[in-house]
Protein backbone atom coordinates (compact mmCIF):
# COMPACT_ATOMS: atom_id res chain seq x y z
CA MET A 1 112.46 137.33 51.31
CA GLN A 2 110.77 133.97 50.83
CA GLU A 3 112.96 133.39 47.78
CA SER A 4 116.14 134.16 49.72
CA GLN A 5 115.13 131.87 52.58
CA GLU A 6 114.56 128.92 50.28
CA ARG A 7 117.96 129.15 48.66
CA ALA A 8 119.92 128.76 51.90
CA GLU A 9 118.26 125.41 52.55
CA TYR A 10 120.26 123.62 49.85
CA THR A 11 122.67 120.94 51.02
CA LEU A 12 125.62 119.57 49.06
CA VAL A 13 126.37 116.03 50.16
CA ALA A 14 129.91 114.97 49.28
CA ARG A 15 132.67 112.66 50.43
CA LYS A 16 134.66 113.64 53.50
CA PRO A 17 137.49 116.23 53.52
CA SER A 18 141.08 115.08 53.13
CA PHE A 19 144.43 116.31 51.79
CA GLY A 20 143.62 119.80 53.08
CA LEU A 21 140.63 120.08 50.73
CA PRO A 22 136.98 120.65 51.71
CA THR A 23 136.22 117.27 50.12
CA GLY A 24 138.86 114.80 49.03
CA CYS A 25 136.74 113.44 46.18
CA PRO A 26 137.86 114.58 42.70
CA ILE A 27 134.24 114.46 41.49
CA CYS A 28 132.75 116.32 44.47
CA LEU A 29 135.35 119.10 44.60
CA PRO A 30 134.40 120.84 41.30
CA VAL A 31 130.75 120.96 42.41
CA TYR A 32 131.75 122.57 45.70
CA ILE A 33 133.90 125.12 43.83
CA HIS A 34 131.11 125.80 41.33
CA LEU A 35 128.72 126.76 44.14
CA LYS A 36 131.43 128.95 45.67
CA PHE A 37 132.00 130.74 42.37
CA ALA A 38 128.28 131.45 42.23
CA SER A 39 128.23 132.78 45.83
CA PHE A 40 125.44 130.29 46.41
CA PRO A 41 124.80 129.64 50.15
CA PHE A 42 124.61 125.94 50.99
CA ARG A 43 125.24 123.40 53.71
CA LEU A 44 128.07 120.93 53.25
CA ASP A 45 127.38 117.45 54.57
CA PHE A 46 129.28 114.21 54.12
CA ASN A 47 128.13 110.73 53.20
CA ASN A 48 130.43 107.82 54.05
CA THR A 49 127.76 105.12 53.90
CA PHE A 50 128.21 104.12 50.26
CA PRO A 51 131.87 104.72 49.30
CA ASP A 52 131.48 103.41 45.76
CA SER A 53 128.18 105.12 44.93
CA ASP A 54 128.00 107.00 41.62
CA GLN A 55 125.23 109.20 43.06
CA ILE A 56 127.66 111.18 45.23
CA PRO A 57 127.83 114.17 45.20
CA TYR A 58 124.19 115.18 45.32
CA ILE A 59 122.17 118.27 46.18
CA GLU A 60 119.01 118.24 48.25
CA SER A 61 116.54 120.83 49.46
CA GLY A 62 113.15 119.91 50.86
CA THR A 63 111.55 117.67 48.26
CA TYR A 64 114.20 118.45 45.64
CA VAL A 65 117.20 116.19 45.10
CA THR A 66 119.50 115.65 42.15
CA PHE A 67 122.34 113.16 41.93
CA ASN A 68 125.65 113.20 40.11
CA ASP A 69 124.86 110.06 38.11
CA GLU A 70 121.97 111.75 36.31
CA ASN A 71 122.47 112.88 32.72
CA GLY A 72 125.23 115.44 32.40
CA GLY A 73 126.33 115.30 36.03
CA LEU A 74 125.35 117.46 38.98
CA ILE A 75 126.60 120.82 37.68
CA GLU A 76 124.65 120.39 34.45
CA ARG A 77 121.51 119.34 36.33
CA LEU A 78 121.71 122.46 38.51
CA ARG A 79 121.99 124.59 35.38
CA GLU A 80 119.06 122.90 33.67
CA ASP A 81 116.92 123.23 36.80
CA GLY A 82 117.62 126.96 36.96
CA ILE A 83 119.39 126.80 40.33
CA VAL A 84 122.99 127.73 39.44
CA ASP A 85 124.08 128.71 35.93
CA LEU A 86 127.50 130.24 35.35
CA ASP A 87 127.75 129.12 31.71
CA ALA A 88 125.03 131.09 29.92
CA ALA A 89 127.52 133.46 28.27
CA PHE A 90 129.98 130.74 27.25
CA CYS A 91 128.19 127.50 26.38
CA SER A 92 127.93 128.43 22.69
CA LEU A 93 131.63 129.33 22.30
CA PRO A 94 133.53 126.58 20.41
CA GLU A 95 136.78 127.23 22.30
CA TRP A 96 135.04 127.06 25.68
CA ILE A 97 133.29 123.82 24.71
CA SER A 98 136.54 122.19 23.56
CA MET A 99 138.37 123.28 26.71
CA LYS A 100 135.64 121.91 28.94
CA ALA A 101 135.69 118.64 27.01
CA MET A 102 139.43 118.29 27.59
CA VAL A 103 139.12 118.89 31.32
CA SER A 104 136.09 116.66 31.85
CA THR A 105 137.46 113.79 29.75
CA TRP A 106 141.22 113.76 29.26
CA LEU A 107 142.14 115.19 32.65
CA ALA A 108 139.40 113.35 34.52
CA GLU A 109 140.54 110.08 32.96
CA ALA A 110 144.15 110.79 33.87
CA VAL A 111 143.17 111.31 37.52
CA MET A 112 141.12 108.10 37.48
CA TYR A 113 144.08 106.19 36.05
CA GLU A 114 146.48 107.59 38.65
CA LEU A 115 144.14 106.85 41.54
CA TRP A 116 143.44 103.23 40.67
CA VAL A 117 146.19 101.98 38.35
CA GLY A 118 149.14 104.36 38.13
CA SER A 119 149.90 104.53 41.87
CA ASP A 120 149.96 102.35 44.96
CA GLY A 121 146.34 103.27 45.75
CA THR A 122 147.05 105.19 48.95
CA SER A 123 145.09 108.25 47.87
CA ALA A 124 142.11 106.22 46.64
CA ARG A 125 141.87 104.28 49.90
CA ALA A 126 142.04 107.50 51.92
CA ILE A 127 139.14 108.97 49.93
CA TYR A 128 136.82 106.00 49.57
CA TYR A 129 137.63 103.17 51.96
CA SER A 130 139.41 104.49 55.06
CA ASP A 131 136.26 104.11 57.20
CA LEU A 132 135.70 100.47 56.21
CA PRO A 133 137.21 97.34 57.76
CA TRP A 134 140.55 96.67 56.09
CA LEU A 135 139.49 93.45 54.35
CA ILE A 136 136.36 94.94 52.80
CA GLY A 137 138.20 98.11 51.79
CA LYS A 138 140.96 96.05 50.21
CA ALA A 139 138.53 93.87 48.27
CA LEU A 140 136.53 96.85 47.03
CA PHE A 141 139.75 98.56 45.99
CA MET A 142 140.83 95.51 43.97
CA LYS A 143 137.40 95.37 42.38
CA GLN A 144 137.63 99.03 41.35
CA VAL A 145 141.11 98.52 39.92
CA TYR A 146 139.67 95.79 37.72
CA VAL A 147 136.69 97.99 36.71
CA VAL A 148 138.99 100.88 35.72
CA LYS A 149 141.24 98.61 33.68
CA GLN A 150 138.20 97.26 31.89
CA ARG A 151 136.96 100.78 31.20
CA PHE A 152 140.27 101.81 29.62
CA GLY A 153 140.71 98.48 27.86
CA ILE A 154 144.00 97.86 29.67
CA THR A 155 145.56 94.42 29.37
CA LYS A 156 148.96 92.99 30.19
CA GLU A 157 149.97 93.38 26.56
CA ASN A 158 148.90 97.00 25.99
CA ALA A 159 149.42 98.48 29.48
CA GLU A 160 152.43 100.65 28.58
CA ARG A 161 150.82 101.96 25.40
CA LYS A 162 147.55 102.83 27.18
CA GLU A 163 149.42 104.63 29.95
CA ALA A 164 151.41 106.64 27.41
CA GLU A 165 148.19 107.64 25.62
CA ILE A 166 146.51 108.78 28.84
CA TYR A 167 149.45 110.94 29.90
CA LYS A 168 149.98 112.30 26.39
CA ARG A 169 146.40 113.57 26.26
CA ALA A 170 146.73 115.10 29.73
CA LYS A 171 149.90 116.95 28.72
CA ILE A 172 148.21 118.29 25.57
CA ALA A 173 145.31 119.51 27.72
CA TYR A 174 147.64 121.23 30.18
CA GLY A 175 149.42 123.01 27.35
CA ALA A 176 146.21 124.23 25.73
CA LEU A 177 144.70 125.37 29.02
CA SER A 178 147.91 127.13 30.05
CA THR A 179 148.05 129.01 26.75
CA THR A 180 144.39 130.04 26.98
CA LEU A 181 144.74 131.17 30.59
CA GLY A 182 147.87 133.26 30.19
CA ASP A 183 147.93 135.72 33.11
CA GLN A 184 144.15 135.97 33.46
CA THR A 185 142.28 135.22 36.65
CA PHE A 186 139.76 133.01 34.84
CA LEU A 187 139.89 131.17 31.55
CA PHE A 188 137.09 133.32 30.06
CA GLU A 189 136.45 136.74 31.61
CA ARG A 190 134.55 135.42 34.63
CA PRO A 191 134.15 132.06 36.39
CA SER A 192 132.24 129.24 34.74
CA SER A 193 131.89 125.51 35.23
CA LEU A 194 135.05 125.15 33.15
CA ASP A 195 137.01 126.97 35.85
CA ALA A 196 135.33 124.86 38.54
CA TYR A 197 136.41 121.64 36.84
CA LEU A 198 139.92 122.90 36.14
CA LEU A 199 140.49 124.35 39.62
CA GLY A 200 139.18 121.16 41.21
CA HIS A 201 141.52 119.10 39.04
CA VAL A 202 144.60 121.21 39.74
CA LEU A 203 144.03 121.32 43.51
CA PHE A 204 143.35 117.58 43.68
CA THR A 205 146.41 116.76 41.58
CA LEU A 206 148.70 118.97 43.66
CA GLN A 207 147.37 117.99 47.08
CA ALA A 208 146.03 114.44 46.79
CA LEU A 209 148.42 112.74 44.39
CA PRO A 210 151.94 111.75 45.54
CA GLU A 211 154.96 113.86 44.62
CA SER A 212 156.13 111.09 42.28
CA SER A 213 152.88 111.27 40.30
CA VAL A 214 153.46 111.58 36.56
CA LEU A 215 150.37 113.78 36.29
CA ARG A 216 151.52 116.05 39.09
CA LEU A 217 154.95 116.44 37.51
CA ALA A 218 153.38 117.29 34.14
CA LEU A 219 151.14 119.90 35.76
CA SER A 220 154.07 121.49 37.61
CA GLU A 221 155.60 122.46 34.25
CA HIS A 222 152.87 125.09 33.83
CA GLY A 223 153.49 127.76 36.43
CA ASN A 224 150.51 129.89 35.47
CA LEU A 225 148.12 127.00 36.18
CA ILE A 226 149.67 126.61 39.64
CA ARG A 227 149.38 130.36 40.34
CA TYR A 228 145.80 130.32 39.04
CA ALA A 229 144.88 127.56 41.49
CA GLU A 230 146.66 129.16 44.44
CA LYS A 231 144.96 132.52 43.86
CA LEU A 232 141.45 131.11 43.45
CA LYS A 233 141.88 128.72 46.36
CA SER A 234 142.83 131.63 48.59
CA GLU A 235 139.91 133.74 47.40
CA TYR A 236 137.10 131.21 47.21
CA LEU A 237 138.04 128.25 49.41
CA GLU A 238 140.02 129.81 52.23
CA GLY A 239 138.29 133.21 52.38
CA GLY A 240 134.79 133.93 53.63
CA SER A 241 132.45 130.97 53.38
CA SER A 242 128.78 130.89 52.47
CA SER A 243 128.46 127.23 53.39
CA SER A 244 127.57 126.14 56.90
CA VAL A 245 129.42 123.79 59.24
CA PRO A 246 129.67 120.33 57.62
CA GLN A 247 127.79 117.36 59.04
CA PHE A 248 127.73 113.68 58.13
CA HIS A 249 124.81 112.34 56.12
CA SER A 250 123.69 108.79 55.80
CA GLU A 251 121.55 109.18 52.69
CA ALA A 252 119.38 111.52 50.66
CA SER A 253 115.74 111.76 51.52
CA SER A 254 114.03 108.86 49.81
CA THR A 255 110.93 110.96 49.24
CA SER A 256 112.77 113.69 47.35
CA THR A 257 111.84 114.47 43.77
CA ARG A 258 113.21 116.90 41.21
CA ARG A 259 111.66 120.33 41.03
CA PRO A 260 112.87 123.65 39.69
CA SER A 261 114.05 125.99 42.38
CA ASN A 262 114.02 129.59 43.35
CA SER A 263 117.15 131.19 44.65
CA SER A 264 118.22 132.27 48.20
CA SER A 265 120.27 133.58 51.10
CA LYS A 266 119.25 133.25 54.78
CA THR A 267 118.99 130.10 56.76
CA LYS A 268 115.68 129.12 58.26
CA LYS A 269 115.04 126.45 60.86
CA GLN A 270 112.55 123.89 59.75
CA PRO A 271 110.34 121.96 62.17
CA LYS A 272 111.33 118.35 62.56
CA ARG A 273 109.03 116.05 60.70
CA GLU A 274 108.32 112.45 61.48
CA LYS A 275 110.15 110.06 59.19
CA THR A 276 108.04 108.22 56.65
CA GLU A 277 107.99 104.44 56.52
CA GLU A 278 109.95 104.66 53.28
CA GLU A 279 112.71 106.67 54.97
CA LYS A 280 112.81 104.30 57.93
CA THR A 281 113.19 101.39 55.54
CA PHE A 282 115.99 103.21 53.74
CA ARG A 283 117.83 103.78 57.00
CA ARG A 284 117.47 100.15 58.01
CA ARG A 285 118.92 99.14 54.68
CA ALA A 286 121.88 101.47 55.23
CA LYS A 287 122.70 99.70 58.50
CA TYR A 288 123.30 96.50 56.57
CA PHE A 289 125.77 98.16 54.21
CA LEU A 290 128.87 96.34 55.41
CA VAL A 291 127.15 92.98 55.22
CA THR A 292 125.86 93.54 51.70
CA GLN A 293 129.23 94.86 50.57
CA LEU A 294 130.92 91.74 51.92
CA VAL A 295 128.43 89.56 50.06
CA ALA A 296 129.01 91.60 46.91
CA VAL A 297 132.77 91.13 47.25
CA LEU A 298 132.37 87.37 47.70
CA VAL A 299 130.10 87.17 44.65
CA PHE A 300 132.54 89.31 42.66
CA LEU A 301 135.47 87.08 43.60
CA SER A 302 133.52 83.95 42.74
CA VAL A 303 132.42 85.34 39.37
CA MET A 304 135.97 86.45 38.68
CA GLY A 305 137.25 82.99 39.45
CA GLY A 306 137.83 82.41 35.76
CA TYR A 307 139.71 85.70 35.28
CA ASP A 308 143.48 85.50 34.94
CA PHE A 309 144.68 87.50 37.94
CA SER A 310 148.29 86.79 36.97
CA GLU A 311 148.07 90.06 35.06
CA VAL A 312 147.94 91.90 38.36
CA GLU A 313 150.76 91.63 40.83
CA VAL A 314 150.15 92.51 44.46
CA ASP A 315 153.34 94.02 45.87
CA ASP A 316 154.41 94.01 49.51
CA ASP A 317 153.29 97.63 49.84
CA GLU A 318 149.80 96.70 48.60
CA GLY A 319 150.37 98.45 45.27
CA PHE A 320 149.41 97.01 41.92
CA SER A 321 151.64 96.69 38.92
CA TYR A 322 152.05 94.64 35.78
CA ASP A 323 154.56 91.80 35.61
């Protein structure tokens, strides 16, 4: 009983829902689905304080917390800590490993490109910056566009070639995944983190990206992937829920540390504890988020003063494109 009580105290902190999805974030959604596949009871809370934080999503429970920017990502950390492991039967299979690599790299990169470079940025702003003042959101968006272009090595001269490479890899991945899936419910006998990543990708691409999206059009050519997503969405995301009513979080407990966990099932009210001085300091720092972000933007713009922004054209509709 004690074991089952502890498990229900886990909280997944993600970015807010949008596009008809429990969380509009393409990184948070697979984690949410992974916990659903495992029938793992958890609370779903939202953190809008740090829109560009790499730590989100994160899981917390009492003194335990693990962030997405730790080695391997959140799903891998949960597996290593013995909390949720759906991959034990598959992680040594070469085909499973290669499929997961395609989803977590080629398809994840294609979504990143579409969000920040290959579209007008509407979806990205809705996910990350809609709660910020327009000017700060706009500046942070421009900064992220630059960061993504740097990551992919995109310049004015090679933009078309880089885009073609990104979409070519995505189309190869779709073809391989579609062939492996066939008419099965899951890619390999039963759900694994591979299915969580793929389902999250397909749902995000279909519901968050515009109809004109190159990635969305490429995905629509594989009917079995669409049916796969619709069936699993109905069964795991729209059916009975083991997660509690979402709330908004401001931050993870600053006193949390990693510890292995036992597993769970019933909720248990915990007595309120007085906040530590460290937590109070953390909360005070969070209140100054907008100010510090504005300063960061000003510093970024000043540092970038020598960068040739003629490579980026700001259209009337606030989109970005190459000359």
